[in-house]
Amino acid sequence: MKILYLGDDDPRSTSAHRQAALQRLGHQTLPINPHRLIPRGLLLARLNVRTGFRLFSRRIDRNLRRILGGAEWDLVWVDSCAELPPATWRWLGSRGKPLISYVLDNPFVPRDHRKWDLYKKSLPLHDLTVFSRKESVLHARRHGAKKPVAHFMGYDPVAHHPERAGEVSPGSGGLVFVGTWMPERGSLMVRLAEAGLPLRIYGNDWPRAREWKKLQPFHGGPSIYGADYVRVIREARIALGLLSKGNRDLHTTRSMEIPYIGGAVFCSERTEDHQKLYREGQEALFWKDAEECVRVCREWIDRPAQCRAMAASAKIRVESCGFSNEQILAGILRLQAGELFSRDGCPLELETSPVPG
């Protein structure tokens, strides 16, 4: 099948990972990054988030139609792309081919200001809209979405393959977090550092934290990707997977990537999603607040053998349930074609029925 793929083409992005996964499934992809059709820069990026891309929506629509011209495809996969106006969606739909929208972020929260205004207007134009939160299904229905569903996020078996770590000793390190600074994260990291835990932080924007002076000695540098990311996770004994409060996360891609990479025990907040995914104390470590997080990390950081066994069990779980990009994307394509997508004993079933409020 020939798939027109609209999304971020940065090879470090999960969008690029999914585009590559579609190719590995045997599909031919026509990848285009609509965001490259408008002027770029930090100030403009912030302005677009604040204004919902209103300054450039017509330009995007005009340029996309020009680039695509007489191109043909069998299906359109739009990965996020908050910048696409409804006019573009209508034009794509006029070709008579299925339109799938796939979104990892939460378009229905105020965290990103007006970034998702155009996207929400386009919801009635999608043939299938895929989210990673059950609550998004309810919101999408209220905005007129035809077929909104929810599913768990995935890992990429190529980008996150353990062999990319090279020659390391799995689980030999300490406590690590890889992720961008957010206001609620600074105080937790200070608590962990002050508890004497062997903490290392990698990620952008941490100098903005009001706790920066205390955290600077534990900061290993900006965000890491690819082999560097895999190596850091694989070497750690415990790897934190923190949620975005503004995004109302119940799990993230880290929830799958860390167990798949192996080596480190996945440690995160105790949520409904995480408890469906992993058995606490056997496949992952969970906590409800900073105090419990410190206690749990202290309890397990000096148990290398038990941590390795827990990480190994989580890896078996994430692989056996089929959370790889290929398996998830193949299931979404089957769902679009009207087939069922589920696996007995695993929590991956896509939500197509009404979701309790």
Protein backbone atom coordinates (compact mmCIF):
# COMPACT_ATOMS: atom_id res chain seq x y z
CA MET A 1 0.00 0.00 0.00
CA LYS A 2 1.22 3.52 -0.77
CA ILE A 3 0.80 5.78 2.26
CA LEU A 4 1.04 9.57 2.25
CA TYR A 5 2.73 10.22 5.60
CA LEU A 6 2.45 13.73 7.04
CA GLY A 7 4.49 14.27 10.19
CA ASP A 8 7.79 15.20 11.80
CA ASP A 9 10.70 13.81 9.79
CA ASP A 10 13.43 14.41 12.38
CA PRO A 11 15.03 10.94 12.65
CA ARG A 12 15.06 11.31 16.45
CA SER A 13 11.28 11.78 16.64
CA THR A 14 8.75 9.07 17.35
CA SER A 15 6.90 10.23 14.24
CA ALA A 16 9.89 9.33 12.07
CA HIS A 17 10.09 5.99 13.89
CA ARG A 18 6.48 5.23 12.96
CA GLN A 19 7.04 6.20 9.34
CA ALA A 20 9.98 3.78 9.20
CA ALA A 21 7.86 1.09 10.87
CA LEU A 22 5.26 1.39 8.11
CA GLN A 23 8.04 0.80 5.59
CA ARG A 24 9.22 -2.26 7.52
CA LEU A 25 5.65 -3.55 7.29
CA GLY A 26 6.07 -3.51 3.52
CA HIS A 27 4.27 -0.27 2.70
CA GLN A 28 5.59 2.44 0.43
CA THR A 29 5.53 5.83 2.15
CA LEU A 30 5.48 9.35 0.75
CA PRO A 31 6.76 11.37 3.74
CA ILE A 32 6.20 15.13 4.01
CA ASN A 33 6.75 17.36 7.03
CA PRO A 34 4.15 20.17 6.78
CA HIS A 35 5.96 22.14 9.47
CA ARG A 36 8.83 22.71 7.04
CA LEU A 37 6.48 24.64 4.77
CA ILE A 38 6.38 27.63 7.12
CA PRO A 39 9.10 29.90 8.53
CA ARG A 40 10.90 28.39 11.51
CA GLY A 41 12.50 29.75 14.64
CA LEU A 42 11.93 29.75 18.38
CA LEU A 43 9.92 32.99 18.47
CA LEU A 44 7.75 31.92 15.54
CA ALA A 45 7.21 28.50 17.10
CA ARG A 46 5.96 30.14 20.30
CA LEU A 47 3.78 32.51 18.29
CA ASN A 48 2.23 29.62 16.37
CA VAL A 49 1.40 27.80 19.58
CA ARG A 50 -0.20 30.96 20.96
CA THR A 51 -2.20 31.71 17.80
CA GLY A 52 -2.94 28.20 16.59
CA PHE A 53 -0.99 28.59 13.32
CA ARG A 54 -3.50 31.12 12.04
CA LEU A 55 -0.80 33.22 10.40
CA PHE A 56 0.42 30.36 8.21
CA SER A 57 -2.50 27.96 7.71
CA ARG A 58 -3.32 29.18 4.20
CA ARG A 59 0.34 29.00 3.23
CA ILE A 60 0.57 25.41 4.47
CA ASP A 61 -2.54 24.42 2.55
CA ARG A 62 -1.35 26.08 -0.67
CA ASN A 63 2.17 24.63 -0.47
CA LEU A 64 0.99 21.11 0.31
CA ARG A 65 -1.36 21.06 -2.67
CA ARG A 66 1.44 22.33 -4.89
CA ILE A 67 3.96 19.74 -3.67
CA LEU A 68 1.58 16.82 -3.90
CA GLY A 69 0.22 17.84 -7.28
CA GLY A 70 -0.86 14.74 -9.14
CA ALA A 71 0.65 12.28 -6.64
CA GLU A 72 -1.38 9.18 -5.87
CA TRP A 73 -1.74 7.24 -2.62
CA ASP A 74 -3.94 4.58 -1.05
CA LEU A 75 -4.17 6.02 2.48
CA VAL A 76 -3.17 9.17 4.39
CA TRP A 77 -1.50 8.90 7.79
CA VAL A 78 -1.27 12.24 9.62
CA ASP A 79 0.99 12.09 12.67
CA SER A 80 -0.06 15.00 14.92
CA CYS A 81 0.34 17.98 12.51
CA ALA A 82 -1.56 20.58 14.53
CA GLU A 83 -0.69 23.08 11.79
CA LEU A 84 -2.96 21.51 9.13
CA PRO A 85 -6.12 23.57 8.54
CA PRO A 86 -9.50 21.93 7.87
CA ALA A 87 -9.22 23.02 4.22
CA THR A 88 -6.26 20.68 3.81
CA TRP A 89 -8.13 17.80 5.43
CA ARG A 90 -11.09 18.41 3.12
CA TRP A 91 -8.80 18.43 0.09
CA LEU A 92 -7.11 15.21 1.19
CA GLY A 93 -10.52 13.63 1.78
CA SER A 94 -11.70 14.64 -1.67
CA ARG A 95 -9.29 12.06 -3.08
CA GLY A 96 -11.54 9.35 -1.69
CA LYS A 97 -8.79 7.63 0.31
CA PRO A 98 -8.92 6.86 4.07
CA LEU A 99 -7.58 9.51 6.44
CA ILE A 100 -5.98 8.33 9.69
CA SER A 101 -5.01 10.86 12.36
CA TYR A 102 -2.56 9.69 15.03
CA VAL A 103 -1.85 11.90 18.05
CA LEU A 104 0.34 11.19 21.10
CA ASP A 105 -0.19 14.60 22.71
CA ASN A 106 -3.41 15.74 24.33
CA PRO A 107 -5.20 18.31 22.14
CA PHE A 108 -7.89 18.92 24.77
CA VAL A 109 -5.87 20.48 27.61
CA PRO A 110 -4.73 24.11 28.00
CA ARG A 111 -1.02 23.26 28.30
CA ASP A 112 -0.30 24.10 24.65
CA HIS A 113 -2.47 27.22 24.52
CA ARG A 114 -4.20 27.41 21.09
CA LYS A 115 -1.87 25.04 19.24
CA TRP A 116 -4.61 22.46 18.57
CA ASP A 117 -7.43 24.83 17.51
CA LEU A 118 -7.24 23.91 13.80
CA TYR A 119 -6.86 20.23 14.60
CA LYS A 120 -10.01 20.15 16.72
CA LYS A 121 -11.96 21.79 13.89
CA SER A 122 -10.75 19.05 11.54
CA LEU A 123 -11.91 16.12 13.69
CA PRO A 124 -15.17 15.46 11.74
CA LEU A 125 -13.03 15.05 8.58
CA HIS A 126 -10.96 12.07 9.85
CA ASP A 127 -11.96 8.51 9.04
CA LEU A 128 -10.10 7.19 12.09
CA THR A 129 -8.62 9.25 14.93
CA VAL A 130 -6.18 7.49 17.25
CA PHE A 131 -5.29 8.85 20.70
CA SER A 132 -3.30 7.53 23.64
CA ARG A 133 -5.81 8.60 26.31
CA LYS A 134 -9.32 7.30 26.89
CA GLU A 135 -10.58 10.74 27.90
CA SER A 136 -9.51 12.10 24.49
CA VAL A 137 -12.05 9.77 22.86
CA LEU A 138 -14.87 11.50 24.74
CA HIS A 139 -13.61 14.97 23.84
CA ALA A 140 -13.17 14.00 20.21
CA ARG A 141 -16.72 12.69 19.98
CA ARG A 142 -17.98 16.03 21.30
CA HIS A 143 -16.05 17.72 18.50
CA GLY A 144 -17.69 15.50 15.88
CA ALA A 145 -15.02 12.82 15.35
CA LYS A 146 -16.39 9.87 13.37
CA LYS A 147 -14.32 7.06 14.83
CA PRO A 148 -12.07 8.06 17.75
CA VAL A 149 -10.15 5.29 19.52
CA ALA A 150 -7.48 5.06 22.22
CA HIS A 151 -4.49 2.77 22.57
CA PHE A 152 -1.24 2.41 24.46
CA MET A 153 1.91 4.00 23.09
CA GLY A 154 4.77 1.86 21.81
CA TYR A 155 8.50 1.38 21.48
CA ASP A 156 10.53 1.17 18.31
CA PRO A 157 12.35 -2.17 17.89
CA VAL A 158 15.05 -0.55 15.75
CA ALA A 159 15.63 2.84 17.40
CA HIS A 160 15.43 1.32 20.89
CA HIS A 161 17.11 -2.02 20.26
CA PRO A 162 19.31 -2.97 23.25
CA GLU A 163 22.25 -3.74 20.96
CA ARG A 164 22.51 -0.03 20.20
CA ALA A 165 23.89 0.44 23.70
CA GLY A 166 27.13 -1.29 22.69
CA GLU A 167 29.30 -2.99 25.30
CA VAL A 168 27.72 -2.00 28.62
CA SER A 169 26.98 -3.79 31.86
CA PRO A 170 23.17 -3.79 32.09
CA GLY A 171 21.76 -2.45 35.34
CA SER A 172 25.18 -1.53 36.72
CA GLY A 173 24.51 2.18 37.21
CA GLY A 174 22.29 4.22 39.45
CA LEU A 175 19.06 6.20 39.10
CA VAL A 176 18.48 8.05 35.81
CA PHE A 177 15.87 10.29 34.27
CA VAL A 178 15.88 11.28 30.60
CA GLY A 179 13.40 14.04 29.83
CA THR A 180 12.68 17.74 29.54
CA TRP A 181 12.27 19.92 32.62
CA MET A 182 8.71 20.68 33.66
CA PRO A 183 7.73 22.76 36.71
CA GLU A 184 6.50 19.78 38.73
CA ARG A 185 9.69 17.77 38.17
CA GLY A 186 12.27 19.93 39.89
CA SER A 187 11.14 19.34 43.46
CA LEU A 188 11.02 15.56 42.94
CA MET A 189 14.57 15.51 41.63
CA VAL A 190 15.78 17.56 44.59
CA ARG A 191 14.16 15.09 46.98
CA LEU A 192 15.90 12.19 45.25
CA ALA A 193 19.25 13.98 45.23
CA GLU A 194 19.01 15.00 48.87
CA ALA A 195 18.19 11.40 49.76
CA GLY A 196 21.68 10.49 48.58
CA LEU A 197 20.54 8.47 45.58
CA PRO A 198 23.01 8.18 42.65
CA LEU A 199 20.92 10.44 40.40
CA ARG A 200 21.69 11.50 36.83
CA ILE A 201 19.44 13.76 34.72
CA TYR A 202 19.57 14.26 30.96
CA GLY A 203 17.23 16.71 29.26
CA ASN A 204 16.52 20.19 27.96
CA ASP A 205 15.45 23.29 29.90
CA TRP A 206 16.66 22.12 33.31
CA PRO A 207 18.57 25.40 33.89
CA ARG A 208 15.13 27.05 33.96
CA ALA A 209 14.22 25.14 37.12
CA ARG A 210 14.11 27.21 40.28
CA GLU A 211 15.97 24.31 41.88
CA TRP A 212 18.75 24.48 39.27
CA LYS A 213 21.56 25.30 41.70
CA LYS A 214 20.83 22.12 43.62
CA LEU A 215 20.30 20.03 40.49
CA GLN A 216 23.18 21.27 38.34
CA PRO A 217 25.69 18.74 39.74
CA PHE A 218 23.34 15.92 38.73
CA HIS A 219 22.64 17.18 35.21
CA GLY A 220 24.44 15.16 32.53
CA GLY A 221 23.51 17.42 29.60
CA PRO A 222 20.67 18.12 27.18
CA SER A 223 18.26 15.57 25.78
CA ILE A 224 19.80 12.41 24.34
CA TYR A 225 18.49 10.22 21.55
CA GLY A 226 19.29 7.09 19.61
CA ALA A 227 22.22 5.00 20.79
CA ASP A 228 23.06 7.46 23.59
CA TYR A 229 19.55 7.17 25.01
CA VAL A 230 19.59 3.39 24.79
CA ARG A 231 23.00 3.20 26.46
CA VAL A 232 22.03 5.45 29.38
CA ILE A 233 18.83 3.48 30.06
CA ARG A 234 20.51 0.10 29.70
CA GLU A 235 23.33 1.01 32.08
CA ALA A 236 21.04 2.38 34.80
CA ARG A 237 19.66 0.25 37.60
CA ILE A 238 16.43 2.27 37.88
CA ALA A 239 15.04 4.55 35.16
CA LEU A 240 12.32 7.05 35.96
CA GLY A 241 9.46 7.57 33.54
CA LEU A 242 7.82 10.84 34.59
CA LEU A 243 4.41 11.99 33.37
CA SER A 244 3.39 15.41 32.12
CA LYS A 245 0.76 16.85 34.46
CA GLY A 246 -0.24 19.42 31.85
CA ASN A 247 -0.78 16.66 29.31
CA ARG A 248 -2.73 14.56 31.83
CA ASP A 249 -0.56 11.55 31.10
CA LEU A 250 -1.32 8.13 32.53
CA HIS A 251 1.60 6.60 30.64
CA THR A 252 4.16 7.77 28.05
CA THR A 253 6.44 6.24 25.42
CA ARG A 254 9.00 5.78 28.24
CA SER A 255 6.54 3.29 29.74
CA MET A 256 7.32 0.99 26.81
CA GLU A 257 10.82 2.05 25.77
CA ILE A 258 12.51 1.53 29.14
CA PRO A 259 11.25 -2.06 29.63
CA TYR A 260 12.08 -2.95 26.02
CA ILE A 261 15.63 -1.59 26.24
CA GLY A 262 16.12 -3.60 29.43
CA GLY A 263 18.80 -3.27 32.07
CA ALA A 264 16.99 -0.66 34.14
CA VAL A 265 13.84 -1.15 36.18
CA PHE A 266 11.00 1.07 34.99
CA CYS A 267 9.88 3.35 37.85
CA SER A 268 6.91 5.70 37.54
CA GLU A 269 3.72 6.98 39.08
CA ARG A 270 1.06 4.48 40.01
CA THR A 271 -1.67 5.11 37.44
CA GLU A 272 -4.52 3.11 35.96
CA ASP A 273 -2.54 2.61 32.75
CA HIS A 274 0.68 1.54 34.45
CA GLN A 275 -1.14 -0.94 36.66
CA LYS A 276 -2.72 -2.50 33.57
CA LEU A 277 0.68 -2.76 31.93
CA TYR A 278 2.93 -4.16 34.65
CA ARG A 279 2.74 -6.06 37.93
CA GLU A 280 4.02 -3.81 40.68
CA GLY A 281 7.13 -5.10 42.40
CA GLN A 282 7.52 -7.87 39.80
CA GLU A 283 7.78 -6.01 36.49
CA ALA A 284 7.96 -2.34 37.53
CA LEU A 285 8.13 0.02 40.51
CA PHE A 286 5.34 2.50 41.20
CA TRP A 287 4.75 5.38 43.61
CA LYS A 288 2.10 8.02 44.31
CA ASP A 289 4.20 10.98 45.51
CA ALA A 290 7.77 12.17 46.03
CA GLU A 291 8.02 10.62 49.49
CA GLU A 292 7.08 7.16 48.22
CA CYS A 293 9.31 7.59 45.17
CA VAL A 294 12.32 8.23 47.41
CA ARG A 295 11.44 5.27 49.62
CA VAL A 296 10.99 2.87 46.68
CA CYS A 297 14.21 3.94 44.97
CA ARG A 298 16.16 3.61 48.23
CA GLU A 299 14.71 0.18 48.80
CA TRP A 300 15.66 -1.18 45.37
CA ILE A 301 18.80 0.68 44.28
CA ASP A 302 21.07 -1.69 46.23
CA ARG A 303 19.42 -4.87 44.93
CA PRO A 304 21.17 -5.39 41.58
CA ALA A 305 20.13 -9.03 41.11
CA GLN A 306 16.47 -8.37 41.92
CA CYS A 307 16.45 -5.28 39.68
CA ARG A 308 17.88 -7.23 36.76
CA ALA A 309 15.23 -9.92 37.24
CA MET A 310 12.44 -7.32 37.36
CA ALA A 311 13.73 -5.57 34.23
CA ALA A 312 13.91 -8.91 32.42
CA SER A 313 10.29 -9.71 33.37
CA ALA A 314 9.11 -6.32 32.12
CA LYS A 315 10.89 -6.85 28.81
CA ILE A 316 9.11 -10.19 28.35
CA ARG A 317 5.81 -8.48 29.11
CA VAL A 318 6.25 -5.56 26.70
CA GLU A 319 7.38 -7.84 23.88
CA SER A 320 4.77 -10.55 24.39
CA CYS A 321 1.94 -8.01 24.40
CA GLY A 322 3.10 -6.56 21.10
CA PHE A 323 3.82 -2.94 21.96
CA SER A 324 6.26 -2.49 19.08
CA ASN A 325 5.52 0.17 16.48
CA GLU A 326 5.05 -2.45 13.78
CA GLN A 327 2.46 -4.38 15.75
CA ILE A 328 0.55 -1.29 16.86
CA LEU A 329 0.52 0.32 13.43
CA ALA A 330 -0.48 -2.93 11.72
CA GLY A 331 -3.37 -3.19 14.15
CA ILE A 332 -4.48 0.38 13.43
CA LEU A 333 -4.46 -0.31 9.70
CA ARG A 334 -6.54 -3.44 10.30
CA LEU A 335 -8.96 -1.42 12.40
CA GLN A 336 -9.32 1.13 9.61
CA ALA A 337 -10.13 -1.76 7.28
CA GLY A 338 -12.90 -2.88 9.62
CA GLU A 339 -11.10 -5.73 11.38
CA LEU A 340 -10.79 -6.29 15.12
CA PHE A 341 -7.57 -5.48 16.95
CA SER A 342 -6.97 -7.19 20.28
CA ARG A 343 -4.78 -9.76 21.99
CA ASP A 344 -5.98 -11.97 24.81
CA GLY A 345 -4.35 -11.21 28.14
CA CYS A 346 -2.89 -7.86 27.06
CA PRO A 347 -4.27 -4.35 27.65
CA LEU A 348 -3.69 -3.08 24.13
CA GLU A 349 -7.29 -3.30 22.92
CA LEU A 350 -8.31 -0.10 21.12
CA GLU A 351 -11.20 1.72 22.71
CA THR A 352 -14.10 1.93 20.28
CA SER A 353 -16.93 1.71 22.80
CA PRO A 354 -18.11 4.60 25.02
CA VAL A 355 -15.62 5.43 27.75
CA PRO A 356 -16.88 6.10 31.29
CA GLY A 357 -16.53 9.71 32.35
